[in-house]
Structures are given as C-alpha cells and as structure tokens.
Amino acid sequence: MNLAKFETMDPVMLMSIVNMKIRDEFGDLDGLVKYYDIDKEKLVARLASAGFDYLPEAKQFR
C-alpha cells in the first residue's frame, strides 16, 4: 500500500495500515515515515484529526 497519498485516505483505513506496517515491517513510526519519505507531523495530525493518537510505548495509533 502506497502511503504517499495518506492525506486523502480514509482515516480508519490509514490507521490500520500504519499500525500493521509498524508492527510487521518497521518497529516504530520513525522508521515508517523515513522509508516512505512522508512528513511525520502531517501523518500524526491527519490521524489525530480523526481521533487517533500515537502511543510511542505501544508503537501504534489508538
């Protein structure tokens, strides 16, 4: 799944994809945003606007 268009994706689907990729491929949010060359603050803000917060200790959005 290409995360380059995260700003227009359904936020629930985006959260699910991001959490899956962090869990299965990257280990943390920093690795994911670096790999996809996306703005971490924009991604976090996009998901926060839908009610999802990043929990660093859990390494996922909830």
PDB file of N, CA and C in Angstrom:
ATOM      1  N   MET A   1       0.853  -1.186   0.000  1.00  0.00           N
ATOM      2  CA  MET A   1       0.000   0.000   0.000  1.00  0.00           C
ATOM      3  C   MET A   1       0.888   1.234   0.000  1.00  0.00           C
ATOM      4  N   ASN A   2       0.624   2.150  -0.894  1.00  0.00           N
ATOM      5  CA  ASN A   2       1.388   3.379  -1.005  1.00  0.00           C
ATOM      6  C   ASN A   2       0.854   4.420  -0.033  1.00  0.00           C
ATOM      7  N   LEU A   3       1.664   4.815   0.911  1.00  0.00           N
ATOM      8  CA  LEU A   3       1.239   5.791   1.909  1.00  0.00           C
ATOM      9  C   LEU A   3       1.465   7.232   1.459  1.00  0.00           C
ATOM     10  N   ALA A   4       1.970   7.431   0.257  1.00  0.00           N
ATOM     11  CA  ALA A   4       2.228   8.781  -0.241  1.00  0.00           C
ATOM     12  C   ALA A   4       0.951   9.624  -0.290  1.00  0.00           C
ATOM     13  N   LYS A   5      -0.191   8.973  -0.422  1.00  0.00           N
ATOM     14  CA  LYS A   5      -1.467   9.693  -0.515  1.00  0.00           C
ATOM     15  C   LYS A   5      -2.238   9.630   0.809  1.00  0.00           C
ATOM     16  N   PHE A   6      -1.500   9.581   1.911  1.00  0.00           N
ATOM     17  CA  PHE A   6      -2.146   9.424   3.220  1.00  0.00           C
ATOM     18  C   PHE A   6      -3.101  10.564   3.544  1.00  0.00           C
ATOM     19  N   GLU A   7      -2.870  11.739   2.987  1.00  0.00           N
ATOM     20  CA  GLU A   7      -3.717  12.891   3.306  1.00  0.00           C
ATOM     21  C   GLU A   7      -5.134  12.756   2.772  1.00  0.00           C
ATOM     22  N   THR A   8      -5.350  11.885   1.801  1.00  0.00           N
ATOM     23  CA  THR A   8      -6.690  11.722   1.230  1.00  0.00           C
ATOM     24  C   THR A   8      -7.297  10.353   1.541  1.00  0.00           C
ATOM     25  N   MET A   9      -6.548   9.511   2.239  1.00  0.00           N
ATOM     26  CA  MET A   9      -7.050   8.167   2.564  1.00  0.00           C
ATOM     27  C   MET A   9      -8.092   8.227   3.679  1.00  0.00           C
ATOM     28  N   ASP A  10      -8.970   7.249   3.701  1.00  0.00           N
ATOM     29  CA  ASP A  10      -9.901   7.093   4.805  1.00  0.00           C
ATOM     30  C   ASP A  10      -9.076   6.947   6.093  1.00  0.00           C
ATOM     31  N   PRO A  11      -9.355   7.753   7.116  1.00  0.00           N
ATOM     32  CA  PRO A  11      -8.508   7.737   8.318  1.00  0.00           C
ATOM     33  C   PRO A  11      -8.504   6.407   9.081  1.00  0.00           C
ATOM     34  N   VAL A  12      -9.604   5.691   9.080  1.00  0.00           N
ATOM     35  CA  VAL A  12      -9.634   4.393   9.774  1.00  0.00           C
ATOM     36  C   VAL A  12      -8.761   3.388   9.031  1.00  0.00           C
ATOM     37  N   MET A  13      -8.854   3.391   7.714  1.00  0.00           N
ATOM     38  CA  MET A  13      -8.018   2.511   6.902  1.00  0.00           C
ATOM     39  C   MET A  13      -6.541   2.900   7.049  1.00  0.00           C
ATOM     40  N   LEU A  14      -6.278   4.191   7.047  1.00  0.00           N
ATOM     41  CA  LEU A  14      -4.911   4.688   7.207  1.00  0.00           C
ATOM     42  C   LEU A  14      -4.323   4.232   8.538  1.00  0.00           C
ATOM     43  N   MET A  15      -5.078   4.388   9.609  1.00  0.00           N
ATOM     44  CA  MET A  15      -4.613   3.964  10.926  1.00  0.00           C
ATOM     45  C   MET A  15      -4.307   2.478  10.936  1.00  0.00           C
ATOM     46  N   SER A  16      -5.164   1.694  10.346  1.00  0.00           N
ATOM     47  CA  SER A  16      -4.974   0.254  10.302  1.00  0.00           C
ATOM     48  C   SER A  16      -3.710  -0.116   9.520  1.00  0.00           C
ATOM     49  N   ILE A  17      -3.519   0.512   8.379  1.00  0.00           N
ATOM     50  CA  ILE A  17      -2.352   0.229   7.542  1.00  0.00           C
ATOM     51  C   ILE A  17      -1.065   0.649   8.251  1.00  0.00           C
ATOM     52  N   VAL A  18      -1.074   1.844   8.828  1.00  0.00           N
ATOM     53  CA  VAL A  18       0.118   2.341   9.526  1.00  0.00           C
ATOM     54  C   VAL A  18       0.472   1.421  10.688  1.00  0.00           C
ATOM     55  N   ASN A  19      -0.506   1.047  11.490  1.00  0.00           N
ATOM     56  CA  ASN A  19      -0.234   0.151  12.618  1.00  0.00           C
ATOM     57  C   ASN A  19       0.302  -1.198  12.147  1.00  0.00           C
ATOM     58  N   MET A  20      -0.270  -1.732  11.083  1.00  0.00           N
ATOM     59  CA  MET A  20       0.198  -3.012  10.561  1.00  0.00           C
ATOM     60  C   MET A  20       1.645  -2.912  10.072  1.00  0.00           C
ATOM     61  N   LYS A  21       1.946  -1.848   9.339  1.00  0.00           N
ATOM     62  CA  LYS A  21       3.294  -1.686   8.813  1.00  0.00           C
ATOM     63  C   LYS A  21       4.306  -1.456   9.932  1.00  0.00           C
ATOM     64  N   ILE A  22       3.939  -0.687  10.952  1.00  0.00           N
ATOM     65  CA  ILE A  22       4.849  -0.505  12.088  1.00  0.00           C
ATOM     66  C   ILE A  22       5.112  -1.852  12.752  1.00  0.00           C
ATOM     67  N   ARG A  23       4.065  -2.610  12.984  1.00  0.00           N
ATOM     68  CA  ARG A  23       4.188  -3.912  13.649  1.00  0.00           C
ATOM     69  C   ARG A  23       4.991  -4.914  12.823  1.00  0.00           C
ATOM     70  N   ASP A  24       4.677  -5.013  11.525  1.00  0.00           N
ATOM     71  CA  ASP A  24       5.246  -6.072  10.687  1.00  0.00           C
ATOM     72  C   ASP A  24       6.557  -5.720   9.989  1.00  0.00           C
ATOM     73  N   GLU A  25       6.783  -4.426   9.726  1.00  0.00           N
ATOM     74  CA  GLU A  25       7.925  -4.066   8.889  1.00  0.00           C
ATOM     75  C   GLU A  25       8.921  -3.087   9.503  1.00  0.00           C
ATOM     76  N   PHE A  26       8.466  -2.172  10.348  1.00  0.00           N
ATOM     77  CA  PHE A  26       9.341  -1.067  10.740  1.00  0.00           C
ATOM     78  C   PHE A  26       9.690  -0.981  12.218  1.00  0.00           C
ATOM     79  N   GLY A  27       8.859  -1.441  13.093  1.00  0.00           N
ATOM     80  CA  GLY A  27       9.165  -1.386  14.515  1.00  0.00           C
ATOM     81  C   GLY A  27       8.787  -0.089  15.203  1.00  0.00           C
ATOM     82  N   ASP A  28       8.784   1.026  14.462  1.00  0.00           N
ATOM     83  CA  ASP A  28       8.349   2.286  15.055  1.00  0.00           C
ATOM     84  C   ASP A  28       7.929   3.261  13.955  1.00  0.00           C
ATOM     85  N   LEU A  29       7.300   4.343  14.377  1.00  0.00           N
ATOM     86  CA  LEU A  29       6.776   5.326  13.428  1.00  0.00           C
ATOM     87  C   LEU A  29       7.896   6.024  12.665  1.00  0.00           C
ATOM     88  N   ASP A  30       9.013   6.283  13.327  1.00  0.00           N
ATOM     89  CA  ASP A  30      10.120   6.971  12.663  1.00  0.00           C
ATOM     90  C   ASP A  30      10.639   6.171  11.469  1.00  0.00           C
ATOM     91  N   GLY A  31      10.753   4.866  11.620  1.00  0.00           N
ATOM     92  CA  GLY A  31      11.206   4.028  10.515  1.00  0.00           C
ATOM     93  C   GLY A  31      10.251   4.064   9.341  1.00  0.00           C
ATOM     94  N   LEU A  32       8.957   4.059   9.629  1.00  0.00           N
ATOM     95  CA  LEU A  32       7.944   4.087   8.581  1.00  0.00           C
ATOM     96  C   LEU A  32       7.990   5.394   7.796  1.00  0.00           C
ATOM     97  N   VAL A  33       8.003   6.534   8.499  1.00  0.00           N
ATOM     98  CA  VAL A  33       7.982   7.818   7.783  1.00  0.00           C
ATOM     99  C   VAL A  33       9.282   8.049   7.016  1.00  0.00           C
ATOM    100  N   LYS A  34      10.390   7.550   7.536  1.00  0.00           N
ATOM    101  CA  LYS A  34      11.658   7.685   6.817  1.00  0.00           C
ATOM    102  C   LYS A  34      11.622   6.862   5.524  1.00  0.00           C
ATOM    103  N   TYR A  35      11.158   5.641   5.610  1.00  0.00           N
ATOM    104  CA  TYR A  35      11.106   4.763   4.448  1.00  0.00           C
ATOM    105  C   TYR A  35      10.210   5.346   3.350  1.00  0.00           C
ATOM    106  N   TYR A  36       9.033   5.836   3.723  1.00  0.00           N
ATOM    107  CA  TYR A  36       8.083   6.367   2.751  1.00  0.00           C
ATOM    108  C   TYR A  36       8.306   7.844   2.431  1.00  0.00           C
ATOM    109  N   ASP A  37       9.288   8.459   3.106  1.00  0.00           N
ATOM    110  CA  ASP A  37       9.616   9.873   2.897  1.00  0.00           C
ATOM    111  C   ASP A  37       8.363  10.747   3.023  1.00  0.00           C
ATOM    112  N   ILE A  38       7.674  10.580   4.139  1.00  0.00           N
ATOM    113  CA  ILE A  38       6.486  11.399   4.402  1.00  0.00           C
ATOM    114  C   ILE A  38       6.707  12.207   5.681  1.00  0.00           C
ATOM    115  N   ASP A  39       5.981  13.292   5.799  1.00  0.00           N
ATOM    116  CA  ASP A  39       6.103  14.199   6.934  1.00  0.00           C
ATOM    117  C   ASP A  39       5.421  13.580   8.157  1.00  0.00           C
ATOM    118  N   LYS A  40       6.205  13.293   9.165  1.00  0.00           N
ATOM    119  CA  LYS A  40       5.683  12.645  10.373  1.00  0.00           C
ATOM    120  C   LYS A  40       4.606  13.501  11.038  1.00  0.00           C
ATOM    121  N   GLU A  41       4.868  14.799  11.138  1.00  0.00           N
ATOM    122  CA  GLU A  41       3.903  15.691  11.801  1.00  0.00           C
ATOM    123  C   GLU A  41       2.567  15.720  11.060  1.00  0.00           C
ATOM    124  N   LYS A  42       2.605  15.708   9.740  1.00  0.00           N
ATOM    125  CA  LYS A  42       1.361  15.714   8.955  1.00  0.00           C
ATOM    126  C   LYS A  42       0.601  14.404   9.131  1.00  0.00           C
ATOM    127  N   LEU A  43       1.328  13.293   9.149  1.00  0.00           N
ATOM    128  CA  LEU A  43       0.684  11.991   9.345  1.00  0.00           C
ATOM    129  C   LEU A  43       0.036  11.926  10.722  1.00  0.00           C
ATOM    130  N   VAL A  44       0.766  12.331  11.746  1.00  0.00           N
ATOM    131  CA  VAL A  44       0.228  12.320  13.110  1.00  0.00           C
ATOM    132  C   VAL A  44      -0.982  13.246  13.206  1.00  0.00           C
ATOM    133  N   ALA A  45      -0.888  14.425  12.598  1.00  0.00           N
ATOM    134  CA  ALA A  45      -2.008  15.379  12.634  1.00  0.00           C
ATOM    135  C   ALA A  45      -3.224  14.830  11.898  1.00  0.00           C
ATOM    136  N   ARG A  46      -2.998  14.181  10.762  1.00  0.00           N
ATOM    137  CA  ARG A  46      -4.106  13.599   9.985  1.00  0.00           C
ATOM    138  C   ARG A  46      -4.857  12.570  10.817  1.00  0.00           C
ATOM    139  N   LEU A  47      -4.116  11.704  11.485  1.00  0.00           N
ATOM    140  CA  LEU A  47      -4.760  10.675  12.299  1.00  0.00           C
ATOM    141  C   LEU A  47      -5.357  11.274  13.577  1.00  0.00           C
ATOM    142  N   ALA A  48      -4.718  12.285  14.139  1.00  0.00           N
ATOM    143  CA  ALA A  48      -5.259  12.947  15.329  1.00  0.00           C
ATOM    144  C   ALA A  48      -6.592  13.627  15.024  1.00  0.00           C
ATOM    145  N   SER A  49      -6.723  14.170  13.811  1.00  0.00           N
ATOM    146  CA  SER A  49      -7.976  14.833  13.432  1.00  0.00           C
ATOM    147  C   SER A  49      -9.140  13.840  13.357  1.00  0.00           C
ATOM    148  N   ALA A  50      -8.805  12.550  13.245  1.00  0.00           N
ATOM    149  CA  ALA A  50      -9.836  11.505  13.219  1.00  0.00           C
ATOM    150  C   ALA A  50      -9.976  10.831  14.589  1.00  0.00           C
ATOM    151  N   GLY A  51      -9.248  11.359  15.588  1.00  0.00           N
ATOM    152  CA  GLY A  51      -9.385  10.832  16.939  1.00  0.00           C
ATOM    153  C   GLY A  51      -8.365   9.781  17.339  1.00  0.00           C
ATOM    154  N   PHE A  52      -7.332   9.588  16.527  1.00  0.00           N
ATOM    155  CA  PHE A  52      -6.306   8.587  16.824  1.00  0.00           C
ATOM    156  C   PHE A  52      -5.027   9.270  17.294  1.00  0.00           C
ATOM    157  N   ASP A  53      -4.514   8.826  18.414  1.00  0.00           N
ATOM    158  CA  ASP A  53      -3.260   9.349  18.948  1.00  0.00           C
ATOM    159  C   ASP A  53      -2.190   8.283  18.860  1.00  0.00           C
ATOM    160  N   TYR A  54      -0.949   8.720  18.614  1.00  0.00           N
ATOM    161  CA  TYR A  54       0.167   7.779  18.578  1.00  0.00           C
ATOM    162  C   TYR A  54       0.662   7.543  19.991  1.00  0.00           C
ATOM    163  N   LEU A  55       0.750   6.287  20.365  1.00  0.00           N
ATOM    164  CA  LEU A  55       1.249   5.897  21.684  1.00  0.00           C
ATOM    165  C   LEU A  55       2.629   5.271  21.488  1.00  0.00           C
ATOM    166  N   PRO A  56       3.689   6.047  21.736  1.00  0.00           N
ATOM    167  CA  PRO A  56       5.048   5.533  21.480  1.00  0.00           C
ATOM    168  C   PRO A  56       5.374   4.250  22.244  1.00  0.00           C
ATOM    169  N   GLU A  57       4.885   4.128  23.475  1.00  0.00           N
ATOM    170  CA  GLU A  57       5.175   2.932  24.261  1.00  0.00           C
ATOM    171  C   GLU A  57       4.532   1.683  23.666  1.00  0.00           C
ATOM    172  N   ALA A  58       3.393   1.854  23.005  1.00  0.00           N
ATOM    173  CA  ALA A  58       2.707   0.740  22.346  1.00  0.00           C
ATOM    174  C   ALA A  58       3.113   0.623  20.866  1.00  0.00           C
ATOM    175  N   LYS A  59       3.753   1.679  20.361  1.00  0.00           N
ATOM    176  CA  LYS A  59       4.146   1.750  18.954  1.00  0.00           C
ATOM    177  C   LYS A  59       2.972   1.552  18.016  1.00  0.00           C
ATOM    178  N   GLN A  60       1.880   2.270  18.337  1.00  0.00           N
ATOM    179  CA  GLN A  60       0.700   2.212  17.473  1.00  0.00           C
ATOM    180  C   GLN A  60      -0.218   3.379  17.736  1.00  0.00           C
ATOM    181  N   PHE A  61      -1.110   3.606  16.774  1.00  0.00           N
ATOM    182  CA  PHE A  61      -2.159   4.616  16.921  1.00  0.00           C
ATOM    183  C   PHE A  61      -3.366   3.954  17.540  1.00  0.00           C
ATOM    184  N   ARG A  62      -4.013   4.663  18.429  1.00  0.00           N
ATOM    185  CA  ARG A  62      -5.268   4.176  19.031  1.00  0.00           C
ATOM    186  C   ARG A  62      -6.236   5.322  19.160  1.00  0.00           C
TER     187      ARG A  62
END
